[in-house]
Amino acid sequence: MVGGGARGVVSTASYEARRFGVHSAMPIFQAKKLCPQGILVPVRMKRYREVSGMVMEILHGVSPLVEKVSIDEAFVDITGTERLHGPARELAAAVKSAVKKTTSLTCSVGIAPNKYLAKIASDLKKPDGLTIIEADMVEEFLRNLPVRKIPGVGRKTEEALGKLGVVLASDVLRMPLSFWIRRLGKVGAVLYDRALGKDDSPVEPHSEPKSISAEETFPADVSSTGELEKTLLAQAEEVGRELRGLGYTGRTVTLKIKFSDFKSLTRSRTLPEPFDATQVLFDVGRQLLLDLKLARRVRLIGIGISNLSKGPRQMTMASGQSGRDERLDRALDHLRSRFCDGILVRGRMLEPD
């Protein structure tokens, strides 16, 4: 099991641990109860990014159309590559072999007429699987596919569909499209298309991020507002630096809090103008925190920014101060990238003597 400390959550779990009911996002203490013999290892995100880069490089050697979905998952459009790489099955085997040779890791591959079906196919025979769904196999494949396997159908949706007698993907087609639109709106239309095996979404090599965030689970529950603010500032530094590094600005700041009883809440505020300054991000997050008037101990705190955009910004009367903040941020970013993250810290983040 991979996770962050006794009070954190499971980032991922081996297939052996999963057989005991352990899954991602499960609290560590609960995972240890289910699988007491399990070994917990720390998250090594830097190494994961390195290996992910190796895998993505292999995929870019197959096709220029690679859409990275997460650190360990991607779509590749192989349309028209048969003359270069051979039949799909040979190409998949070559990719799996290259990943194994380069990283010593196995991977699962799914090949299908569209992204939605390829995603399902890649999940069918994990680990180290290979599933190919040809165009003339789609109808038969979906006839016996559990509806919960359709991406986007979660536990609650599955329960709601079950009450309508929908257990398999093919059961959706017993009712017309108009029924599902009346019942579920746009989601109903998508569900109907998925039951038919339709998905026209292209592989998008340069998908834009929707948000950037950071969060931390404390070793012990925290009641001190000062301690929460200090953590929030460190997170604002991290998020702001990534935001600027990617060349984005944002408008919406979101604060996330998880209490000692595991209940969570989020609060957001949207500013009239986009920004990328750490100080602005922290100030808005801090005010959201103070507005909560917390009476319970806090287990986790996080901050994020969304409503992202690129390009020039309109100058305002407040641009003078924000300009100084931005110049300071960029100077700090430069020093930290050249030397190390801890070379400079803000005074309020230091422990008192």
Protein backbone atom coordinates (compact mmCIF):
# COMPACT_ATOMS: atom_id res chain seq x y z
CA MET A 1 0.00 0.00 0.00
CA VAL A 2 1.21 3.50 -0.83
CA GLY A 3 0.12 6.32 1.42
CA GLY A 4 1.05 9.25 3.59
CA GLY A 5 1.47 8.32 7.22
CA ALA A 6 -0.84 6.86 9.83
CA ARG A 7 -3.43 9.65 9.40
CA GLY A 8 -3.30 9.93 5.63
CA VAL A 9 -5.12 8.04 2.92
CA VAL A 10 -4.18 5.24 0.55
CA SER A 11 -2.82 6.66 -2.72
CA THR A 12 -2.90 3.24 -4.35
CA ALA A 13 -2.78 -0.40 -3.34
CA SER A 14 -1.34 -3.59 -4.79
CA TYR A 15 -3.73 -6.14 -6.26
CA GLU A 16 -2.99 -8.39 -3.27
CA ALA A 17 -4.16 -5.66 -0.87
CA ARG A 18 -7.20 -4.89 -2.99
CA ARG A 19 -8.46 -8.41 -2.43
CA PHE A 20 -8.88 -7.43 1.23
CA GLY A 21 -11.04 -4.45 0.26
CA VAL A 22 -8.31 -1.79 0.31
CA HIS A 23 -8.73 0.94 -2.29
CA SER A 24 -7.50 4.42 -3.19
CA ALA A 25 -8.60 7.34 -0.96
CA MET A 26 -9.33 4.97 1.95
CA PRO A 27 -8.01 6.21 5.33
CA ILE A 28 -4.79 4.44 6.31
CA PHE A 29 -6.17 3.26 9.64
CA GLN A 30 -9.10 1.58 7.86
CA ALA A 31 -6.78 -0.06 5.31
CA LYS A 32 -4.65 -1.49 8.15
CA LYS A 33 -7.75 -2.98 9.76
CA LEU A 34 -8.73 -4.68 6.51
CA CYS A 35 -5.19 -5.79 5.68
CA PRO A 36 -3.09 -5.80 8.89
CA GLN A 37 -0.24 -7.65 7.19
CA GLY A 38 -0.02 -5.01 4.48
CA ILE A 39 3.17 -2.97 4.14
CA LEU A 40 2.76 0.80 3.89
CA VAL A 41 5.35 2.65 1.80
CA PRO A 42 5.62 6.44 1.39
CA VAL A 43 4.58 8.36 -1.70
CA ARG A 44 7.52 9.17 -4.02
CA MET A 45 5.90 11.61 -6.42
CA LYS A 46 9.17 12.80 -7.95
CA ARG A 47 10.04 9.24 -8.95
CA TYR A 48 6.52 8.59 -10.24
CA ARG A 49 6.79 11.65 -12.50
CA GLU A 50 10.15 10.43 -13.81
CA VAL A 51 8.76 7.00 -14.71
CA SER A 52 5.59 8.54 -16.14
CA GLY A 53 7.77 10.65 -18.42
CA MET A 54 9.53 7.51 -19.66
CA VAL A 55 6.21 5.84 -20.49
CA MET A 56 4.83 8.95 -22.22
CA GLU A 57 7.99 9.15 -24.33
CA ILE A 58 7.37 5.59 -25.52
CA LEU A 59 3.77 6.47 -26.42
CA HIS A 60 4.85 9.57 -28.34
CA GLY A 61 7.04 7.27 -30.40
CA VAL A 62 3.87 5.48 -31.51
CA SER A 63 1.76 8.51 -32.44
CA PRO A 64 1.88 12.29 -32.02
CA LEU A 65 -1.71 12.14 -30.70
CA VAL A 66 -1.20 11.26 -27.03
CA GLU A 67 -3.61 12.52 -24.38
CA LYS A 68 -2.20 12.16 -20.87
CA VAL A 69 -5.12 11.55 -18.51
CA SER A 70 -3.15 11.06 -15.31
CA ILE A 71 0.35 10.20 -14.19
CA ASP A 72 -0.20 6.54 -15.18
CA GLU A 73 -2.83 6.65 -17.91
CA ALA A 74 -3.08 7.99 -21.45
CA PHE A 75 -5.04 7.68 -24.68
CA VAL A 76 -3.19 7.21 -27.98
CA ASP A 77 -4.79 7.62 -31.40
CA ILE A 78 -3.21 4.92 -33.59
CA THR A 79 -5.40 5.58 -36.62
CA GLY A 80 -3.33 5.15 -39.76
CA THR A 81 -0.24 3.76 -38.04
CA GLU A 82 -0.59 0.16 -39.20
CA ARG A 83 1.83 0.55 -42.13
CA LEU A 84 4.41 1.96 -39.74
CA HIS A 85 3.89 -0.23 -36.66
CA GLY A 86 2.00 -3.26 -37.95
CA PRO A 87 -1.36 -4.62 -36.71
CA ALA A 88 -2.81 -3.28 -33.45
CA ARG A 89 -2.05 -6.43 -31.49
CA GLU A 90 1.62 -6.36 -32.53
CA LEU A 91 1.84 -2.66 -31.66
CA ALA A 92 0.31 -3.24 -28.23
CA ALA A 93 2.75 -6.04 -27.52
CA ALA A 94 5.65 -3.83 -28.61
CA VAL A 95 4.51 -1.01 -26.30
CA LYS A 96 4.14 -3.37 -23.35
CA SER A 97 7.60 -4.79 -24.04
CA ALA A 98 9.16 -1.30 -24.31
CA VAL A 99 7.57 -0.18 -21.02
CA LYS A 100 8.79 -3.34 -19.30
CA LYS A 101 12.33 -2.93 -20.64
CA THR A 102 12.53 0.79 -19.82
CA THR A 103 10.84 0.88 -16.41
CA SER A 104 10.69 -2.78 -15.25
CA LEU A 105 6.93 -2.25 -14.88
CA THR A 106 4.00 -4.02 -16.49
CA CYS A 107 1.11 -2.12 -18.06
CA SER A 108 -2.35 -2.90 -19.37
CA VAL A 109 -3.48 -1.92 -22.87
CA GLY A 110 -6.97 -1.61 -24.29
CA ILE A 111 -7.61 -1.06 -28.01
CA ALA A 112 -11.06 -0.12 -29.32
CA PRO A 113 -12.81 2.10 -31.88
CA ASN A 114 -13.07 5.01 -29.41
CA LYS A 115 -11.71 6.35 -26.11
CA TYR A 116 -14.61 5.20 -23.94
CA LEU A 117 -14.39 1.58 -25.06
CA ALA A 118 -10.58 1.62 -24.95
CA LYS A 119 -10.72 2.76 -21.31
CA ILE A 120 -13.00 -0.15 -20.40
CA ALA A 121 -10.85 -2.59 -22.37
CA SER A 122 -7.68 -1.47 -20.57
CA ASP A 123 -9.29 -2.19 -17.19
CA LEU A 124 -10.52 -5.69 -17.99
CA LYS A 125 -7.40 -7.82 -17.53
CA LYS A 126 -5.23 -5.91 -15.08
CA PRO A 127 -2.42 -6.25 -14.30
CA ASP A 128 -0.39 -6.73 -17.48
CA GLY A 129 -3.46 -7.17 -19.67
CA LEU A 130 -4.26 -6.71 -23.33
CA THR A 131 -7.84 -6.48 -24.60
CA ILE A 132 -8.86 -5.60 -28.16
CA ILE A 133 -12.46 -4.73 -29.07
CA GLU A 134 -12.93 -4.74 -32.84
CA ALA A 135 -15.69 -2.61 -34.39
CA ASP A 136 -17.81 -5.66 -35.20
CA MET A 137 -17.48 -6.88 -31.58
CA VAL A 138 -18.90 -3.77 -29.90
CA GLU A 139 -22.58 -4.79 -29.80
CA GLU A 140 -21.83 -8.22 -28.37
CA PHE A 141 -19.33 -6.78 -25.90
CA LEU A 142 -21.86 -4.28 -24.53
CA ARG A 143 -24.66 -6.84 -24.33
CA ASN A 144 -23.18 -8.37 -21.17
CA LEU A 145 -21.20 -5.41 -19.82
CA PRO A 146 -22.29 -4.37 -16.28
CA VAL A 147 -23.55 -0.81 -16.43
CA ARG A 148 -21.22 0.12 -13.55
CA LYS A 149 -18.28 -0.40 -15.95
CA ILE A 150 -19.37 2.62 -17.99
CA PRO A 151 -17.10 5.54 -16.99
CA GLY A 152 -19.10 8.08 -15.02
CA VAL A 153 -21.54 5.56 -13.56
CA GLY A 154 -20.76 5.66 -9.85
CA ARG A 155 -22.32 3.79 -6.96
CA LYS A 156 -25.32 6.11 -6.57
CA THR A 157 -26.06 6.15 -10.30
CA GLU A 158 -25.75 2.37 -10.40
CA GLU A 159 -28.27 2.08 -7.55
CA ALA A 160 -30.69 4.45 -9.30
CA LEU A 161 -30.37 2.54 -12.57
CA GLY A 162 -30.86 -0.75 -10.72
CA LYS A 163 -34.26 0.46 -9.51
CA LEU A 164 -35.20 0.87 -13.16
CA GLY A 165 -34.06 -2.66 -13.94
CA VAL A 166 -30.87 -1.51 -15.64
CA VAL A 167 -28.01 -3.84 -14.71
CA LEU A 168 -26.23 -4.29 -18.03
CA ALA A 169 -25.30 -1.65 -20.60
CA SER A 170 -27.71 -3.26 -23.05
CA ASP A 171 -30.57 -2.74 -20.57
CA VAL A 172 -30.32 1.01 -21.19
CA LEU A 173 -31.52 0.46 -24.75
CA ARG A 174 -34.84 -0.99 -23.57
CA MET A 175 -35.98 2.62 -23.08
CA PRO A 176 -35.77 5.27 -25.83
CA LEU A 177 -33.35 8.17 -25.80
CA SER A 178 -36.20 10.56 -24.93
CA PHE A 179 -36.85 8.64 -21.70
CA TRP A 180 -33.24 9.03 -20.52
CA ILE A 181 -33.13 12.72 -21.44
CA ARG A 182 -36.32 13.33 -19.44
CA ARG A 183 -34.95 11.29 -16.56
CA LEU A 184 -31.30 12.40 -16.44
CA GLY A 185 -30.95 15.33 -18.86
CA LYS A 186 -27.59 15.56 -20.65
CA VAL A 187 -26.22 12.69 -18.56
CA GLY A 188 -29.05 10.52 -19.88
CA ALA A 189 -28.10 11.30 -23.48
CA VAL A 190 -24.47 10.38 -22.79
CA LEU A 191 -25.53 7.16 -21.05
CA TYR A 192 -27.62 6.16 -24.06
CA ASP A 193 -24.73 6.81 -26.44
CA ARG A 194 -22.40 4.77 -24.26
CA ALA A 195 -24.86 1.85 -24.29
CA LEU A 196 -24.64 2.02 -28.08
CA GLY A 197 -20.85 2.15 -27.93
CA LYS A 198 -20.71 5.73 -29.23
CA ASP A 199 -18.04 8.24 -28.23
CA ASP A 200 -16.93 10.95 -30.64
CA SER A 201 -14.48 12.68 -28.30
CA PRO A 202 -11.07 13.04 -29.95
CA VAL A 203 -7.68 12.30 -28.41
CA GLU A 204 -6.54 15.75 -27.26
CA PRO A 205 -2.75 16.00 -26.91
CA HIS A 206 -2.78 19.39 -25.17
CA SER A 207 -5.67 19.37 -22.72
CA GLU A 208 -5.64 22.38 -20.42
CA PRO A 209 -5.61 21.96 -16.63
CA LYS A 210 -8.87 22.91 -14.92
CA SER A 211 -7.41 23.61 -11.49
CA ILE A 212 -4.23 23.46 -9.39
CA SER A 213 -4.34 22.56 -5.69
CA ALA A 214 -2.42 21.32 -2.67
CA GLU A 215 -3.58 19.79 0.58
CA GLU A 216 -2.11 18.26 3.73
CA THR A 217 -3.32 15.84 6.39
CA PHE A 218 -1.89 16.78 9.79
CA PRO A 219 -0.10 14.21 12.01
CA ALA A 220 -2.48 15.31 14.79
CA ASP A 221 -5.72 17.27 14.61
CA VAL A 222 -5.15 21.04 14.69
CA SER A 223 -7.23 23.68 16.47
CA SER A 224 -4.80 26.60 16.20
CA THR A 225 -5.81 29.11 13.53
CA GLY A 226 -2.21 30.27 13.38
CA GLU A 227 -1.01 26.75 12.55
CA LEU A 228 -3.69 26.42 9.87
CA GLU A 229 -2.68 29.76 8.35
CA LYS A 230 0.98 28.74 8.28
CA THR A 231 0.12 25.53 6.42
CA LEU A 232 -2.15 27.47 4.09
CA LEU A 233 0.68 29.85 3.23
CA ALA A 234 3.04 26.97 2.41
CA GLN A 235 0.36 25.49 0.16
CA ALA A 236 -0.27 28.87 -1.50
CA GLU A 237 3.48 29.03 -2.25
CA GLU A 238 3.35 25.58 -3.86
CA VAL A 239 0.20 26.25 -5.89
CA GLY A 240 1.31 29.74 -6.93
CA ARG A 241 4.67 28.49 -8.12
CA GLU A 242 3.08 25.75 -10.23
CA LEU A 243 0.51 28.22 -11.59
CA ARG A 244 3.22 30.64 -12.72
CA GLY A 245 5.42 27.82 -14.03
CA LEU A 246 2.61 26.72 -16.34
CA GLY A 247 1.96 30.29 -17.45
CA TYR A 248 -1.59 30.49 -16.08
CA THR A 249 -3.60 32.93 -14.02
CA GLY A 250 -6.78 32.09 -12.12
CA ARG A 251 -9.82 33.74 -10.57
CA THR A 252 -11.45 31.25 -8.20
CA VAL A 253 -9.83 30.28 -4.90
CA THR A 254 -11.16 27.22 -3.08
CA LEU A 255 -10.48 26.27 0.53
CA LYS A 256 -10.94 22.65 1.61
CA ILE A 257 -11.28 21.57 5.24
CA LYS A 258 -11.67 18.08 6.69
CA PHE A 259 -12.53 17.88 10.38
CA SER A 260 -11.50 15.30 12.97
CA ASP A 261 -14.82 13.48 12.40
CA PHE A 262 -13.91 13.16 8.66
CA LYS A 263 -16.67 15.55 7.59
CA SER A 264 -15.49 17.92 4.85
CA LEU A 265 -16.48 21.30 3.51
CA THR A 266 -15.26 23.61 0.78
CA ARG A 267 -15.61 27.35 0.37
CA SER A 268 -14.80 29.33 -2.78
CA ARG A 269 -14.43 32.95 -3.81
CA THR A 270 -14.11 34.28 -7.35
CA LEU A 271 -12.17 37.49 -7.92
CA PRO A 272 -13.08 39.97 -10.66
CA GLU A 273 -9.61 39.84 -12.25
CA PRO A 274 -7.27 36.87 -12.90
CA PHE A 275 -4.06 36.68 -10.86
CA ASP A 276 -1.05 34.45 -10.18
CA ALA A 277 0.41 36.09 -7.04
CA THR A 278 1.01 33.86 -4.03
CA GLN A 279 0.07 36.65 -1.63
CA VAL A 280 -3.35 37.14 -3.25
CA LEU A 281 -3.99 33.40 -3.22
CA PHE A 282 -3.07 33.19 0.45
CA ASP A 283 -5.05 36.30 1.45
CA VAL A 284 -8.25 35.00 -0.13
CA GLY A 285 -7.75 31.50 1.31
CA ARG A 286 -7.01 32.94 4.75
CA GLN A 287 -10.17 35.06 4.69
CA LEU A 288 -12.23 32.02 3.69
CA LEU A 289 -10.70 30.20 6.66
CA LEU A 290 -11.41 33.03 9.11
CA ASP A 291 -14.99 33.34 7.85
CA LEU A 292 -15.63 29.74 8.94
CA LYS A 293 -15.07 30.61 12.63
CA LEU A 294 -13.94 27.04 13.26
CA ALA A 295 -15.14 25.36 16.44
CA ARG A 296 -13.86 21.88 15.60
CA ARG A 297 -10.38 20.45 15.25
CA VAL A 298 -9.07 20.13 11.71
CA ARG A 299 -7.60 16.97 10.19
CA LEU A 300 -6.81 18.30 6.69
CA ILE A 301 -6.55 21.64 4.96
CA GLY A 302 -6.04 22.47 1.31
CA ILE A 303 -6.19 25.36 -1.15
CA GLY A 304 -6.71 25.43 -4.88
CA ILE A 305 -7.22 27.79 -7.77
CA SER A 306 -9.48 27.35 -10.83
CA ASN A 307 -11.06 29.42 -13.59
CA LEU A 308 -7.65 29.28 -15.23
CA SER A 309 -6.64 31.29 -18.27
CA LYS A 310 -3.63 32.40 -20.28
CA GLY A 311 -2.81 35.66 -22.04
CA PRO A 312 -2.52 39.35 -21.21
CA ARG A 313 -4.49 40.89 -18.36
CA GLN A 314 -6.22 44.24 -18.16
CA MET A 315 -4.42 46.84 -16.02
CA THR A 316 -6.38 48.17 -13.03
CA MET A 317 -5.86 50.78 -10.31
CA ALA A 318 -4.66 47.97 -8.02
CA SER A 319 -2.03 46.78 -10.47
CA GLY A 320 0.82 48.56 -8.63
CA GLN A 321 0.74 46.37 -5.53
CA SER A 322 -0.07 43.22 -7.47
CA GLY A 323 2.83 43.98 -9.80
CA ARG A 324 5.24 44.13 -6.85
CA ASP A 325 3.84 40.83 -5.54
CA GLU A 326 4.34 39.20 -8.93
CA ARG A 327 7.92 40.45 -9.26
CA LEU A 328 8.68 39.10 -5.79
CA ASP A 329 7.12 35.74 -6.67
CA ARG A 330 9.14 35.42 -9.85
CA ALA A 331 12.35 36.29 -8.06
CA LEU A 332 11.64 33.63 -5.44
CA ASP A 333 10.69 31.10 -8.14
CA HIS A 334 13.99 31.73 -9.91
CA LEU A 335 16.10 31.34 -6.75
CA ARG A 336 14.30 28.17 -5.69
CA SER A 337 14.60 26.56 -9.10
CA ARG A 338 18.30 27.45 -9.27
CA PHE A 339 19.23 26.34 -5.74
CA CYS A 340 16.60 24.49 -3.67
CA ASP A 341 13.04 24.91 -2.41
CA GLY A 342 14.10 25.71 1.14
CA ILE A 343 16.64 28.42 0.35
CA LEU A 344 14.12 31.19 1.13
CA VAL A 345 10.97 31.09 3.25
CA ARG A 346 8.56 33.76 4.36
CA GLY A 347 9.10 34.97 7.91
CA ARG A 348 5.69 33.94 9.20
CA MET A 349 6.41 30.31 8.22
CA LEU A 350 9.40 30.10 10.64
CA GLU A 351 9.01 28.46 14.04
CA PRO A 352 9.46 30.92 16.96
CA ASP A 353 12.56 30.43 19.11
